[in-house]
Amino acid sequence: MAEEDIYGNKRKYEFFVEHYNEFILIPEERVHRNRTGRAKYVCRNEINIKYFPKLFRSFESKDLSYVRRNRLLKTFKMICHVAIKDLATADREDINEIVAFSHTVNNSIKSKHDFAVDIKYLWKILYPVKDEKEHIDETIVPYPVRHLSGKIDKSREKRRDDKFSLEEFEKIVSSFSGDLRIQAYLTLAFESLGRPQELLYVRLKDVEFNDNYAKIWISEHGKEGTGFLQCIDSFKYVANWYNQHPLKHNRTSFLFINMGNPRKYQQMNPTNINKLIKSRLKLLGIEKKITCYSLKRNGVTYRRLRGDSDVQIQHAARWTSTKQLRTYDLSNADDTFKQELAKRGLIKDDRYSSFQTTKKCSFCDTLNGITDELCVKCKRPLDRTRILKEEEKKQQEVSNLMSQVSQNKRLQEELVIMKEQFEKHKQELKLFLIDEARKQILKEIETH
């Protein structure tokens, strides 16, 4: 049986099932309104209301997830909003009019493709093709929608605005230095390629710690079933949050929980995290639309650029095939070109020669987090540029000290010479005074 998810799709579905009869009214006249208040469609032909119960029964029999049910209902509500006649009598011209309207609402390539797929699925449920024995043939798409294709012109595709660099990711993680919970989520999502719902349903009992890595088991709400997520580079952050978790003695509590009122210590949801990320991006001056799902897309991108094979990424993301790479990979030809140049030493840019989300100490070989500036073990700086600058500074200090010592030595030598000259002049002055006194005495004797 389908279960509630992190986005509240079960609640939304059950609300519509209970009040679907009001869909013939404009949103302002409906007694029961959705909490979000975003209803904008209305069934223009009351006859089409009768098809909703048939869809509900089909969903229940196939035990579809609630997010899938809501997406199909959204498509069907859009169809009912455009169609003036009974959908059972709709021809290809009517369908083309519906699809044309969908293009004004669906902007992305994915949403346009999904609409074509979903309308075919709905027509196979509501108006199936039957054979000569009146048996439903589920392999044949009904004629009115058979001509629709999910292929969309690639020239219409737009580049996503959520690709970030490792330097920007480091700034974002560092900005949450006072919130170990968000640091753990960001680094784990980036490394493990886990979906937001999978991560937010992880409980403390699902975290299996080892010496310097961990396995994060997905025991519920996994889109690809159960399994585990890799936690190696993000181990430090996850371990720090686990140790500070206010409910760590309750093994059934969620790993990522709310820390503020009114839902304190309850399960977090993606909306909470997206709001926190958005506020930090504004403070950092990073003008990009980064969300929870952006972490997965960028994680896939950097794995590819650092040389991971498609199969390695598939296993890390727990996909059934490598086809999803086309959706999640944000790298482009320029990234690959610069990576090749960096490997050959033609350009000096560490961003393209290697992609690492940990910092290895060059003195003690300890692995540190991406936001660490000093090694947690030997306390030496991890930035090679900073190390060289400090070495140059020390060399300059030593040189200045030696220069001072050398200068002091010359001063000492000059002091010795001056002292000798002073003693010499002192002796000469003494002899002169004695000679003058003797001359004075002789002069007085001669006078008497």
Protein backbone atom coordinates (compact mmCIF):
# COMPACT_ATOMS: atom_id res chain seq x y z
CA MET A 1 0.00 0.00 0.00
CA ALA A 2 1.29 3.46 -0.94
CA GLU A 3 2.55 5.58 1.97
CA GLU A 4 2.77 9.27 2.74
CA ASP A 5 5.96 10.94 1.51
CA ILE A 6 8.02 13.91 2.65
CA TYR A 7 6.08 16.27 0.36
CA GLY A 8 2.62 15.48 1.79
CA ASN A 9 1.28 13.95 -1.45
CA LYS A 10 -1.03 11.53 0.35
CA ARG A 11 -2.79 14.39 2.14
CA LYS A 12 -3.17 16.32 -1.14
CA TYR A 13 -4.52 13.26 -2.98
CA GLU A 14 -7.05 12.32 -0.31
CA PHE A 15 -8.24 15.92 -0.11
CA PHE A 16 -9.01 15.96 -3.84
CA VAL A 17 -10.65 12.51 -3.80
CA GLU A 18 -12.99 13.69 -1.08
CA HIS A 19 -13.94 16.95 -2.80
CA TYR A 20 -13.45 16.26 -6.53
CA ASN A 21 -17.14 17.13 -7.21
CA GLU A 22 -16.31 20.78 -6.53
CA PHE A 23 -13.97 20.80 -9.52
CA ILE A 24 -16.87 22.04 -11.67
CA LEU A 25 -16.89 25.29 -9.63
CA ILE A 26 -14.43 28.12 -10.04
CA PRO A 27 -11.84 28.18 -7.19
CA GLU A 28 -13.49 31.19 -5.47
CA GLU A 29 -16.84 29.38 -5.14
CA ARG A 30 -15.51 26.11 -3.74
CA VAL A 31 -16.34 25.35 -0.11
CA HIS A 32 -13.29 23.18 0.45
CA ARG A 33 -10.10 24.78 -0.83
CA ASN A 34 -6.57 23.52 -0.93
CA ARG A 35 -4.29 24.93 1.77
CA THR A 36 -1.97 26.42 -0.80
CA GLY A 37 -4.80 28.29 -2.50
CA ARG A 38 -3.20 27.81 -5.91
CA ALA A 39 -6.15 26.15 -7.70
CA LYS A 40 -6.50 27.63 -11.20
CA TYR A 41 -8.27 24.94 -13.24
CA VAL A 42 -11.99 24.18 -13.49
CA CYS A 43 -13.86 21.44 -15.32
CA ARG A 44 -15.57 23.22 -18.23
CA ASN A 45 -17.84 20.27 -19.06
CA GLU A 46 -19.63 18.67 -16.09
CA ILE A 47 -19.84 15.35 -17.96
CA ASN A 48 -16.09 14.84 -17.58
CA ILE A 49 -16.37 14.75 -13.76
CA LYS A 50 -17.59 11.16 -14.00
CA TYR A 51 -14.16 9.98 -15.20
CA PHE A 52 -12.39 10.86 -11.95
CA PRO A 53 -13.74 7.90 -9.90
CA LYS A 54 -12.56 5.56 -12.66
CA LEU A 55 -9.07 7.02 -12.36
CA PHE A 56 -9.17 6.67 -8.56
CA ARG A 57 -10.05 2.97 -8.84
CA SER A 58 -7.27 2.40 -11.37
CA PHE A 59 -4.73 4.11 -9.10
CA GLU A 60 -5.77 1.98 -6.14
CA SER A 61 -5.65 -1.26 -8.13
CA LYS A 62 -2.13 -0.50 -9.37
CA ASP A 63 -1.06 0.87 -5.98
CA LEU A 64 0.66 3.88 -7.55
CA SER A 65 2.70 6.18 -5.34
CA TYR A 66 0.87 9.32 -4.25
CA VAL A 67 3.28 11.60 -6.10
CA ARG A 68 2.51 9.69 -9.31
CA ARG A 69 -1.25 9.89 -8.67
CA ASN A 70 -1.09 13.64 -8.11
CA ARG A 71 0.94 14.19 -11.26
CA LEU A 72 -1.59 12.24 -13.35
CA LEU A 73 -4.47 14.13 -11.72
CA LYS A 74 -2.76 17.43 -12.46
CA THR A 75 -2.51 16.44 -16.11
CA PHE A 76 -6.15 15.32 -16.23
CA LYS A 77 -7.35 18.51 -14.52
CA MET A 78 -5.54 20.54 -17.17
CA ILE A 79 -7.25 18.43 -19.86
CA CYS A 80 -10.69 18.99 -18.31
CA HIS A 81 -9.97 22.71 -18.08
CA VAL A 82 -9.31 22.98 -21.84
CA ALA A 83 -11.82 20.44 -23.21
CA ILE A 84 -15.30 21.75 -23.94
CA LYS A 85 -16.84 18.48 -25.16
CA ASP A 86 -17.08 15.05 -23.57
CA LEU A 87 -13.57 13.58 -23.58
CA ALA A 88 -14.93 10.26 -24.83
CA THR A 89 -15.79 11.98 -28.12
CA ALA A 90 -12.60 14.06 -28.37
CA ASP A 91 -10.74 13.67 -31.66
CA ARG A 92 -7.16 14.46 -32.61
CA GLU A 93 -7.96 18.11 -33.23
CA ASP A 94 -9.27 18.43 -29.69
CA ILE A 95 -6.21 16.64 -28.32
CA ASN A 96 -3.90 18.96 -30.26
CA GLU A 97 -5.67 21.94 -28.72
CA ILE A 98 -5.10 20.47 -25.24
CA VAL A 99 -1.42 19.81 -25.96
CA ALA A 100 -1.00 23.31 -27.35
CA PHE A 101 -2.34 24.74 -24.08
CA SER A 102 0.00 22.49 -22.05
CA HIS A 103 3.01 24.03 -23.81
CA THR A 104 2.02 27.43 -22.42
CA VAL A 105 2.09 26.01 -18.89
CA ASN A 106 4.91 23.45 -19.05
CA ASN A 107 8.18 25.25 -19.68
CA SER A 108 10.83 22.58 -19.22
CA ILE A 109 11.70 19.82 -21.68
CA LYS A 110 10.99 17.21 -18.98
CA SER A 111 7.49 18.52 -18.18
CA LYS A 112 6.56 18.67 -21.88
CA HIS A 113 7.74 15.09 -22.37
CA ASP A 114 5.91 13.88 -19.25
CA PHE A 115 2.63 15.47 -20.38
CA ALA A 116 2.67 13.52 -23.66
CA VAL A 117 3.44 10.29 -21.81
CA ASP A 118 0.79 10.90 -19.14
CA ILE A 119 -2.04 11.74 -21.54
CA LYS A 120 -1.45 8.44 -23.36
CA TYR A 121 -1.49 6.61 -20.05
CA LEU A 122 -4.76 8.28 -19.02
CA TRP A 123 -6.48 7.49 -22.33
CA LYS A 124 -5.49 3.82 -22.03
CA ILE A 125 -7.27 3.76 -18.64
CA LEU A 126 -10.38 5.74 -19.58
CA TYR A 127 -10.91 4.86 -23.24
CA PRO A 128 -9.03 1.61 -23.88
CA VAL A 129 -8.91 -0.15 -27.25
CA LYS A 130 -10.80 -3.46 -27.32
CA ASP A 131 -10.33 -6.46 -29.58
CA GLU A 132 -13.04 -8.37 -31.44
CA LYS A 133 -13.99 -10.18 -28.23
CA GLU A 134 -14.43 -6.91 -26.35
CA HIS A 135 -11.28 -7.62 -24.34
CA ILE A 136 -9.16 -4.60 -23.43
CA ASP A 137 -5.87 -4.52 -25.31
CA GLU A 138 -3.49 -2.61 -23.06
CA THR A 139 -0.67 -2.76 -25.62
CA ILE A 140 -2.44 -0.41 -28.05
CA VAL A 141 -2.60 3.34 -27.51
CA PRO A 142 -6.04 4.84 -28.30
CA TYR A 143 -6.16 6.52 -31.70
CA PRO A 144 -6.90 10.15 -30.58
CA VAL A 145 -3.57 10.32 -28.67
CA ARG A 146 -1.52 7.82 -30.66
CA HIS A 147 0.17 10.55 -32.71
CA LEU A 148 1.64 12.31 -29.65
CA SER A 149 5.37 11.99 -29.09
CA GLY A 150 7.46 12.65 -26.00
CA LYS A 151 10.36 13.86 -28.13
CA ILE A 152 10.87 17.59 -27.73
CA ASP A 153 13.04 19.87 -29.86
CA LYS A 154 16.42 20.06 -28.08
CA SER A 155 16.96 23.60 -29.32
CA ARG A 156 14.24 24.67 -26.85
CA GLU A 157 16.20 23.38 -23.89
CA LYS A 158 17.58 25.91 -21.41
CA ARG A 159 20.61 25.56 -19.18
CA ARG A 160 19.89 25.07 -15.48
CA ASP A 161 20.86 27.88 -13.16
CA ASP A 162 21.89 25.67 -10.24
CA LYS A 163 25.38 24.52 -11.25
CA PHE A 164 27.95 25.62 -8.67
CA SER A 165 31.72 25.37 -8.30
CA LEU A 166 33.53 23.60 -5.48
CA GLU A 167 34.61 27.00 -4.16
CA GLU A 168 30.98 28.10 -3.96
CA PHE A 169 29.99 24.80 -2.32
CA GLU A 170 32.75 25.29 0.26
CA LYS A 171 31.43 28.79 1.01
CA ILE A 172 27.88 27.48 1.42
CA VAL A 173 28.96 24.70 3.80
CA SER A 174 31.19 27.10 5.76
CA SER A 175 28.30 29.54 6.14
CA PHE A 176 26.50 26.88 8.20
CA SER A 177 29.39 26.53 10.66
CA GLY A 178 26.93 27.08 13.50
CA ASP A 179 24.52 24.39 12.24
CA LEU A 180 26.17 20.95 12.12
CA ARG A 181 22.87 19.43 10.98
CA ILE A 182 22.78 21.36 7.68
CA GLN A 183 26.51 20.84 7.09
CA ALA A 184 25.94 17.10 7.42
CA TYR A 185 22.97 17.17 5.03
CA LEU A 186 24.74 19.26 2.37
CA THR A 187 27.94 17.20 2.29
CA LEU A 188 26.10 13.86 2.48
CA ALA A 189 23.67 14.78 -0.30
CA PHE A 190 26.53 16.00 -2.50
CA GLU A 191 28.62 12.85 -2.00
CA SER A 192 26.01 10.09 -1.74
CA LEU A 193 23.75 11.33 -4.58
CA GLY A 194 20.78 10.56 -2.38
CA ARG A 195 17.35 12.04 -3.07
CA PRO A 196 15.96 14.52 -0.52
CA GLN A 197 13.18 12.13 0.55
CA GLU A 198 15.64 9.25 1.00
CA LEU A 199 17.95 11.34 3.18
CA LEU A 200 15.20 12.90 5.28
CA TYR A 201 13.67 9.49 6.07
CA VAL A 202 17.00 8.16 7.42
CA ARG A 203 16.79 7.31 11.11
CA LEU A 204 19.64 7.08 13.62
CA LYS A 205 19.47 3.29 13.55
CA ASP A 206 20.14 3.40 9.80
CA VAL A 207 23.60 4.97 10.26
CA GLU A 208 26.37 2.35 10.40
CA PHE A 209 29.68 3.89 11.52
CA ASN A 210 33.15 2.49 10.87
CA ASP A 211 36.60 3.93 11.65
CA ASN A 212 36.65 6.60 8.95
CA TYR A 213 33.56 5.98 6.84
CA ALA A 214 29.89 5.11 7.25
CA LYS A 215 27.02 3.40 5.47
CA ILE A 216 23.70 5.21 5.47
CA TRP A 217 21.02 2.56 5.00
CA ILE A 218 17.78 3.41 3.19
CA SER A 219 15.14 1.33 4.93
CA GLU A 220 12.04 3.17 3.69
CA HIS A 221 10.84 5.51 0.94
CA GLY A 222 13.67 4.61 -1.42
CA LYS A 223 12.70 5.27 -5.03
CA GLU A 224 14.93 2.38 -6.16
CA GLY A 225 14.06 0.23 -3.13
CA THR A 226 16.26 -0.36 -0.09
CA GLY A 227 20.04 -0.03 -0.13
CA PHE A 228 22.75 2.18 1.35
CA LEU A 229 24.39 5.52 0.60
CA GLN A 230 28.14 6.13 0.63
CA CYS A 231 29.51 8.35 3.39
CA ILE A 232 33.28 8.85 3.07
CA ASP A 233 34.14 12.49 2.34
CA SER A 234 31.13 13.62 4.38
CA PHE A 235 31.95 11.28 7.29
CA LYS A 236 33.35 14.04 9.52
CA TYR A 237 30.23 16.21 9.20
CA VAL A 238 27.78 13.34 9.67
CA ALA A 239 29.71 12.08 12.72
CA ASN A 240 29.82 15.57 14.26
CA TRP A 241 26.06 16.02 13.86
CA TYR A 242 25.34 12.48 15.10
CA ASN A 243 27.32 13.18 18.30
CA GLN A 244 25.43 16.46 18.83
CA HIS A 245 22.00 15.03 17.94
CA PRO A 246 19.59 15.95 20.77
CA LEU A 247 17.71 12.62 20.41
CA LYS A 248 20.68 10.33 19.79
CA HIS A 249 19.59 7.98 22.57
CA ASN A 250 16.35 7.35 20.66
CA ARG A 251 17.48 5.16 17.77
CA THR A 252 14.16 5.48 15.92
CA SER A 253 14.30 9.28 15.63
CA PHE A 254 15.12 10.87 12.29
CA LEU A 255 18.72 11.87 11.56
CA PHE A 256 17.69 15.29 10.22
CA ILE A 257 15.17 17.04 12.47
CA ASN A 258 13.80 20.53 12.99
CA MET A 259 15.51 22.51 15.75
CA GLY A 260 13.06 25.40 15.97
CA ASN A 261 9.42 25.81 16.89
CA PRO A 262 6.68 24.85 16.22
CA ARG A 263 7.81 21.44 14.89
CA LYS A 264 10.86 21.03 17.11
CA TYR A 265 12.55 17.60 16.93
CA GLN A 266 10.20 16.48 14.14
CA GLN A 267 11.26 15.33 10.68
CA MET A 268 12.66 18.02 8.39
CA ASN A 269 11.28 18.52 4.90
CA PRO A 270 12.95 19.85 1.73
CA THR A 271 11.11 23.17 2.01
CA ASN A 272 12.88 23.93 5.31
CA ILE A 273 16.30 23.21 3.83
CA ASN A 274 15.61 25.12 0.62
CA LYS A 275 14.67 28.22 2.63
CA LEU A 276 17.88 27.99 4.66
CA ILE A 277 19.99 27.56 1.53
CA LYS A 278 18.25 30.49 -0.18
CA SER A 279 18.94 32.80 2.77
CA ARG A 280 22.65 31.86 2.86
CA LEU A 281 23.01 32.30 -0.91
CA LYS A 282 21.66 35.83 -0.54
CA LEU A 283 24.18 36.61 2.22
CA LEU A 284 27.05 35.13 0.19
CA GLY A 285 26.04 36.98 -2.96
CA ILE A 286 25.67 33.76 -4.99
CA GLU A 287 22.87 34.41 -7.48
CA LYS A 288 21.90 30.84 -8.30
CA LYS A 289 18.72 28.83 -7.70
CA ILE A 290 20.25 26.03 -5.63
CA THR A 291 17.89 23.54 -3.97
CA CYS A 292 18.12 20.11 -2.33
CA TYR A 293 17.98 18.43 -5.74
CA SER A 294 20.79 20.67 -7.03
CA LEU A 295 23.14 18.84 -4.67
CA LYS A 296 22.41 15.54 -6.39
CA ARG A 297 22.83 16.99 -9.88
CA ASN A 298 26.12 18.70 -9.00
CA GLY A 299 27.33 15.57 -7.19
CA VAL A 300 26.81 13.55 -10.37
CA THR A 301 28.55 16.26 -12.42
CA TYR A 302 31.68 16.38 -10.27
CA ARG A 303 31.92 12.61 -10.09
CA ARG A 304 32.03 12.49 -13.88
CA LEU A 305 34.61 15.28 -14.09
CA ARG A 306 36.91 13.64 -11.58
CA GLY A 307 36.95 10.47 -13.68
CA ASP A 308 34.33 8.16 -12.13
CA SER A 309 32.90 5.70 -14.61
CA ASP A 310 29.21 5.69 -15.50
CA VAL A 311 28.78 2.37 -13.71
CA GLN A 312 30.37 3.73 -10.52
CA ILE A 313 27.99 6.68 -10.56
CA GLN A 314 25.06 4.36 -11.29
CA HIS A 315 25.86 2.20 -8.24
CA ALA A 316 26.46 5.23 -5.99
CA ALA A 317 23.13 6.77 -7.05
CA ARG A 318 21.41 3.34 -6.93
CA TRP A 319 19.98 3.64 -10.44
CA THR A 320 18.81 0.66 -12.46
CA SER A 321 20.66 1.96 -15.53
CA THR A 322 22.94 4.80 -16.65
CA LYS A 323 20.21 6.56 -18.65
CA GLN A 324 19.57 9.04 -15.82
CA LEU A 325 23.05 10.50 -16.34
CA ARG A 326 21.69 12.53 -19.24
CA THR A 327 19.27 14.22 -16.83
CA TYR A 328 21.58 14.80 -13.88
CA ASP A 329 24.94 15.57 -15.56
CA LEU A 330 25.46 19.36 -15.73
CA SER A 331 28.96 19.26 -17.22
CA ASN A 332 29.58 20.69 -20.66
CA ALA A 333 32.21 20.53 -23.40
CA ASP A 334 34.19 23.40 -21.84
CA ASP A 335 34.56 21.52 -18.54
CA THR A 336 35.89 18.40 -20.28
CA PHE A 337 38.24 20.45 -22.49
CA LYS A 338 39.78 22.31 -19.54
CA GLN A 339 40.08 19.06 -17.61
CA GLU A 340 42.13 17.54 -20.44
CA LEU A 341 44.33 20.64 -20.61
CA ALA A 342 44.93 20.51 -16.85
CA LYS A 343 45.86 16.82 -16.98
CA ARG A 344 48.49 17.60 -19.60
CA GLY A 345 49.84 20.53 -17.63
CA LEU A 346 48.84 23.07 -20.29
CA ILE A 347 46.85 25.11 -17.80
CA LYS A 348 47.34 25.44 -14.07
CA ASP A 349 43.94 25.06 -12.52
CA ASP A 350 43.30 22.58 -9.69
CA ARG A 351 39.55 22.80 -10.35
CA TYR A 352 40.00 20.81 -13.54
CA SER A 353 42.99 18.60 -12.72
CA SER A 354 41.24 16.93 -9.78
CA PHE A 355 37.88 17.24 -8.07
CA GLN A 356 38.12 16.41 -4.37
CA THR A 357 35.66 17.23 -1.64
CA THR A 358 38.20 16.47 1.10
CA LYS A 359 41.54 18.06 1.94
CA LYS A 360 44.50 15.78 2.62
CA CYS A 361 47.19 17.11 4.91
CA SER A 362 50.55 17.04 3.12
CA PHE A 363 52.37 16.55 6.44
CA CYS A 364 50.44 13.77 8.26
CA ASP A 365 48.17 12.47 5.41
CA THR A 366 45.02 13.04 7.50
CA LEU A 367 41.78 13.57 5.54
CA ASN A 368 39.96 16.76 6.54
CA GLY A 369 36.62 18.31 5.63
CA ILE A 370 36.19 20.67 2.69
CA THR A 371 35.73 23.66 5.02
CA ASP A 372 38.77 22.95 7.25
CA GLU A 373 41.68 25.37 6.99
CA LEU A 374 43.93 23.66 9.55
CA CYS A 375 44.57 19.92 9.86
CA VAL A 376 42.51 18.47 12.69
CA LYS A 377 45.48 16.33 13.73
CA CYS A 378 48.70 18.31 13.33
CA LYS A 379 47.09 21.80 13.15
CA ARG A 380 49.11 22.75 10.07
CA PRO A 381 47.46 24.73 7.23
CA LEU A 382 45.89 22.61 4.47
CA ASP A 383 46.08 25.20 1.71
CA ARG A 384 49.34 24.71 -0.21
CA THR A 385 49.40 28.36 -1.24
CA ARG A 386 49.06 29.36 2.36
CA ILE A 387 51.85 26.94 3.34
CA LEU A 388 54.18 28.47 0.77
CA LYS A 389 53.30 31.97 1.94
CA GLU A 390 54.01 31.02 5.54
CA GLU A 391 57.31 29.43 4.56
CA GLU A 392 58.25 32.56 2.64
CA LYS A 393 57.26 34.65 5.63
CA LYS A 394 59.42 32.52 7.93
CA GLN A 395 62.34 32.77 5.53
CA GLN A 396 61.93 36.54 5.43
CA GLU A 397 61.84 36.69 9.23
CA VAL A 398 65.00 34.57 9.47
CA SER A 399 66.68 36.76 6.86
CA ASN A 400 65.71 39.92 8.74
CA LEU A 401 66.99 38.43 12.01
CA MET A 402 70.29 37.46 10.43
CA SER A 403 70.54 40.94 8.96
CA GLN A 404 69.94 42.45 12.38
CA VAL A 405 72.51 40.15 13.94
CA SER A 406 75.02 41.08 11.25
CA GLN A 407 74.25 44.74 11.72
CA ASN A 408 74.64 44.39 15.49
CA LYS A 409 78.02 42.73 14.99
CA ARG A 410 79.22 45.67 12.91
CA LEU A 411 77.97 48.07 15.57
CA GLN A 412 79.83 46.14 18.23
CA GLU A 413 83.04 46.33 16.19
CA GLU A 414 82.58 50.07 15.69
CA LEU A 415 81.98 50.50 19.42
CA VAL A 416 85.22 48.69 20.22
CA ILE A 417 87.14 50.95 17.80
CA MET A 418 85.52 54.05 19.26
CA LYS A 419 86.33 52.85 22.75
CA GLU A 420 89.95 52.33 21.81
CA GLN A 421 90.11 55.75 20.19
CA PHE A 422 88.48 57.26 23.28
CA GLU A 423 91.04 55.59 25.56
CA LYS A 424 93.83 56.82 23.30
CA HIS A 425 92.54 60.40 23.34
CA LYS A 426 91.99 60.16 27.06
CA GLN A 427 95.61 59.14 27.60
CA GLU A 428 96.85 61.91 25.29
CA LEU A 429 94.73 64.46 27.16
CA LYS A 430 96.12 63.25 30.48
CA LEU A 431 99.71 63.61 29.28
CA PHE A 432 98.93 67.04 27.88
CA LEU A 433 97.44 68.20 31.19
CA ILE A 434 100.44 66.90 33.14
CA ASP A 435 102.83 68.66 30.77
CA GLU A 436 100.92 71.93 31.07
CA ALA A 437 100.92 71.70 34.87
CA ARG A 438 104.69 71.08 34.90
CA LYS A 439 105.28 74.08 32.67
CA GLN A 440 103.19 76.29 34.98
CA ILE A 441 105.15 75.18 38.05
CA LEU A 442 108.49 75.90 36.39
CA LYS A 443 107.29 79.32 35.32
CA GLU A 444 106.30 80.20 38.91
CA ILE A 445 109.70 79.07 40.25
CA GLU A 446 111.53 81.26 37.78
CA THR A 447 109.45 84.26 38.77
CA HIS A 448 110.36 83.91 42.49
